[in-house]
Amino acid sequence: MAEQLSPEATATLRALLAGSDPVSSALLAQIPHTRVVGRCGCGCVTVDLEVDRTAAAPAPSHDNPAVDGGYDAPYSAGVLVCTKGGYLSALEIYSVSDEPITAWPDPRFIEQ
């Protein structure tokens, strides 16, 4: 069952998509129309996303992941914004340690 993005995931997406390029702008506009449709099985906060395609336009052609970044503190971790067909499809976080990251770190610490 689809659910709303958490405020922390939304803040992370907004921080990662803060650029003024056309791809970031289009993906940012999709956030209000995006729902969580799945989760990672390892216990981390990675989410699979689905955008209401009747309410938002696709982003222009781009690489995948569309955006990536990392955290030095409080975790050594990376974060990716993945897309399919120009629409948000996943917000993934991965750790360089063996422990899954179970809460979104403060987006102010994202380095791109």
C-alpha atoms as a PDB file:
ATOM      1  CA  MET A   1       0.000   0.000   0.000  1.00  0.00           C
ATOM      2  CA  ALA A   2       1.340   3.423  -0.952  1.00  0.00           C
ATOM      3  CA  GLU A   3       2.103   5.919   1.785  1.00  0.00           C
ATOM      4  CA  GLN A   4       3.273   9.499   1.997  1.00  0.00           C
ATOM      5  CA  LEU A   5       6.943  10.367   2.018  1.00  0.00           C
ATOM      6  CA  SER A   6       8.213  11.012   5.515  1.00  0.00           C
ATOM      7  CA  PRO A   7       9.246  14.588   6.311  1.00  0.00           C
ATOM      8  CA  GLU A   8      12.863  13.367   6.603  1.00  0.00           C
ATOM      9  CA  ALA A   9      12.832  11.676   3.178  1.00  0.00           C
ATOM     10  CA  THR A  10      11.174  14.762   1.681  1.00  0.00           C
ATOM     11  CA  ALA A  11      13.851  17.016   3.194  1.00  0.00           C
ATOM     12  CA  THR A  12      16.572  14.724   1.838  1.00  0.00           C
ATOM     13  CA  LEU A  13      15.087  14.803  -1.667  1.00  0.00           C
ATOM     14  CA  ARG A  14      14.732  18.590  -1.536  1.00  0.00           C
ATOM     15  CA  ALA A  15      18.368  18.979  -0.437  1.00  0.00           C
ATOM     16  CA  LEU A  16      19.641  16.671  -3.175  1.00  0.00           C
ATOM     17  CA  LEU A  17      17.513  18.342  -5.861  1.00  0.00           C
ATOM     18  CA  ALA A  18      18.292  21.936  -4.862  1.00  0.00           C
ATOM     19  CA  GLY A  19      20.155  22.644  -8.117  1.00  0.00           C
ATOM     20  CA  SER A  20      18.751  25.003 -10.727  1.00  0.00           C
ATOM     21  CA  ASP A  21      19.268  22.639 -13.661  1.00  0.00           C
ATOM     22  CA  PRO A  22      16.156  21.453 -15.576  1.00  0.00           C
ATOM     23  CA  VAL A  23      16.401  17.850 -14.332  1.00  0.00           C
ATOM     24  CA  SER A  24      16.584  18.835 -10.653  1.00  0.00           C
ATOM     25  CA  SER A  25      13.770  21.342 -11.115  1.00  0.00           C
ATOM     26  CA  ALA A  26      11.486  18.770 -12.774  1.00  0.00           C
ATOM     27  CA  LEU A  27      12.213  16.096 -10.157  1.00  0.00           C
ATOM     28  CA  LEU A  28      11.697  18.605  -7.344  1.00  0.00           C
ATOM     29  CA  ALA A  29       8.258  19.431  -8.792  1.00  0.00           C
ATOM     30  CA  GLN A  30       7.364  15.726  -8.608  1.00  0.00           C
ATOM     31  CA  ILE A  31       7.839  15.468  -4.818  1.00  0.00           C
ATOM     32  CA  PRO A  32       4.281  16.545  -3.857  1.00  0.00           C
ATOM     33  CA  HIS A  33       2.942  13.842  -6.183  1.00  0.00           C
ATOM     34  CA  THR A  34       5.251  11.074  -4.950  1.00  0.00           C
ATOM     35  CA  ARG A  35       4.337   8.156  -2.712  1.00  0.00           C
ATOM     36  CA  VAL A  36       6.367   5.391  -1.064  1.00  0.00           C
ATOM     37  CA  VAL A  37       5.491   2.021  -2.617  1.00  0.00           C
ATOM     38  CA  GLY A  38       8.226  -0.171  -1.134  1.00  0.00           C
ATOM     39  CA  ARG A  39      11.100  -0.406   1.308  1.00  0.00           C
ATOM     40  CA  CYS A  40      14.482  -2.078   1.406  1.00  0.00           C
ATOM     41  CA  GLY A  41      14.534  -5.460   3.116  1.00  0.00           C
ATOM     42  CA  CYS A  42      17.754  -4.818   5.063  1.00  0.00           C
ATOM     43  CA  GLY A  43      16.136  -2.436   7.541  1.00  0.00           C
ATOM     44  CA  CYS A  44      17.586   0.794   6.139  1.00  0.00           C
ATOM     45  CA  VAL A  45      15.404   3.778   5.229  1.00  0.00           C
ATOM     46  CA  THR A  46      15.728   3.329   1.437  1.00  0.00           C
ATOM     47  CA  VAL A  47      12.343   3.734  -0.233  1.00  0.00           C
ATOM     48  CA  ASP A  48      10.876   2.833  -3.619  1.00  0.00           C
ATOM     49  CA  LEU A  49       8.875   5.702  -5.053  1.00  0.00           C
ATOM     50  CA  GLU A  50       6.016   6.179  -7.463  1.00  0.00           C
ATOM     51  CA  VAL A  51       4.922   9.497  -8.950  1.00  0.00           C
ATOM     52  CA  ASP A  52       1.377  10.271 -10.065  1.00  0.00           C
ATOM     53  CA  ARG A  53       2.190  10.739 -13.747  1.00  0.00           C
ATOM     54  CA  THR A  54      -1.082  12.531 -14.376  1.00  0.00           C
ATOM     55  CA  ALA A  55      -0.038  15.285 -11.940  1.00  0.00           C
ATOM     56  CA  ALA A  56       3.631  15.812 -12.812  1.00  0.00           C
ATOM     57  CA  ALA A  57       5.727  16.018 -15.966  1.00  0.00           C
ATOM     58  CA  PRO A  58       8.786  13.814 -16.504  1.00  0.00           C
ATOM     59  CA  ALA A  59      12.265  15.230 -16.141  1.00  0.00           C
ATOM     60  CA  PRO A  60      14.336  15.794 -19.288  1.00  0.00           C
ATOM     61  CA  SER A  61      16.674  12.977 -20.308  1.00  0.00           C
ATOM     62  CA  HIS A  62      19.427  12.414 -17.734  1.00  0.00           C
ATOM     63  CA  ASP A  63      21.826   9.890 -16.228  1.00  0.00           C
ATOM     64  CA  ASN A  64      20.761   7.481 -13.509  1.00  0.00           C
ATOM     65  CA  PRO A  65      21.187   8.016 -10.647  1.00  0.00           C
ATOM     66  CA  ALA A  66      19.958  11.517 -11.296  1.00  0.00           C
ATOM     67  CA  VAL A  67      21.729  12.857  -8.218  1.00  0.00           C
ATOM     68  CA  ASP A  68      24.079  11.423  -5.639  1.00  0.00           C
ATOM     69  CA  GLY A  69      25.676  12.662  -2.486  1.00  0.00           C
ATOM     70  CA  GLY A  70      27.226  11.528   0.726  1.00  0.00           C
ATOM     71  CA  TYR A  71      27.424  12.083   4.436  1.00  0.00           C
ATOM     72  CA  ASP A  72      30.646  12.263   6.418  1.00  0.00           C
ATOM     73  CA  ALA A  73      28.845  12.766   9.707  1.00  0.00           C
ATOM     74  CA  PRO A  74      27.202  11.255  11.588  1.00  0.00           C
ATOM     75  CA  TYR A  75      27.568   8.317   9.150  1.00  0.00           C
ATOM     76  CA  SER A  76      29.886   7.364   6.350  1.00  0.00           C
ATOM     77  CA  ALA A  77      27.124   6.881   3.820  1.00  0.00           C
ATOM     78  CA  GLY A  78      25.959   7.673   0.345  1.00  0.00           C
ATOM     79  CA  VAL A  79      22.560   8.661  -0.951  1.00  0.00           C
ATOM     80  CA  LEU A  80      21.122   8.330  -4.462  1.00  0.00           C
ATOM     81  CA  VAL A  81      18.059   9.656  -6.262  1.00  0.00           C
ATOM     82  CA  CYS A  82      17.073   7.116  -8.915  1.00  0.00           C
ATOM     83  CA  THR A  83      14.566   7.595 -11.711  1.00  0.00           C
ATOM     84  CA  LYS A  84      12.690   5.591 -14.333  1.00  0.00           C
ATOM     85  CA  GLY A  85      11.359   7.232 -17.452  1.00  0.00           C
ATOM     86  CA  GLY A  86      12.009  10.704 -16.032  1.00  0.00           C
ATOM     87  CA  TYR A  87      10.150  10.056 -12.762  1.00  0.00           C
ATOM     88  CA  LEU A  88      11.427   9.542  -9.235  1.00  0.00           C
ATOM     89  CA  SER A  89      11.706   5.804  -8.543  1.00  0.00           C
ATOM     90  CA  ALA A  90      13.910   5.422  -5.444  1.00  0.00           C
ATOM     91  CA  LEU A  91      15.662   7.300  -2.692  1.00  0.00           C
ATOM     92  CA  GLU A  92      18.484   5.037  -1.605  1.00  0.00           C
ATOM     93  CA  ILE A  93      20.902   5.329   1.281  1.00  0.00           C
ATOM     94  CA  TYR A  94      23.830   2.997   1.738  1.00  0.00           C
ATOM     95  CA  SER A  95      26.370   2.632   4.485  1.00  0.00           C
ATOM     96  CA  VAL A  96      30.040   1.757   4.192  1.00  0.00           C
ATOM     97  CA  SER A  97      29.687  -0.184   7.462  1.00  0.00           C
ATOM     98  CA  ASP A  98      27.792  -3.399   8.054  1.00  0.00           C
ATOM     99  CA  GLU A  99      24.962  -1.650   9.892  1.00  0.00           C
ATOM    100  CA  PRO A 100      21.949  -0.343   7.933  1.00  0.00           C
ATOM    101  CA  ILE A 101      21.071   3.312   8.366  1.00  0.00           C
ATOM    102  CA  THR A 102      17.673   3.315  10.046  1.00  0.00           C
ATOM    103  CA  ALA A 103      16.959   7.072  10.073  1.00  0.00           C
ATOM    104  CA  TRP A 104      17.587   9.760   7.487  1.00  0.00           C
ATOM    105  CA  PRO A 105      20.591  11.855   8.550  1.00  0.00           C
ATOM    106  CA  ASP A 106      20.173  15.623   8.673  1.00  0.00           C
ATOM    107  CA  PRO A 107      20.169  16.779   5.034  1.00  0.00           C
ATOM    108  CA  ARG A 108      22.326  19.787   5.956  1.00  0.00           C
ATOM    109  CA  PHE A 109      25.257  17.352   6.064  1.00  0.00           C
ATOM    110  CA  ILE A 110      24.862  16.065   2.490  1.00  0.00           C
ATOM    111  CA  GLU A 111      27.910  16.683   0.345  1.00  0.00           C
ATOM    112  CA  GLN A 112      27.467  16.611  -3.427  1.00  0.00           C
END
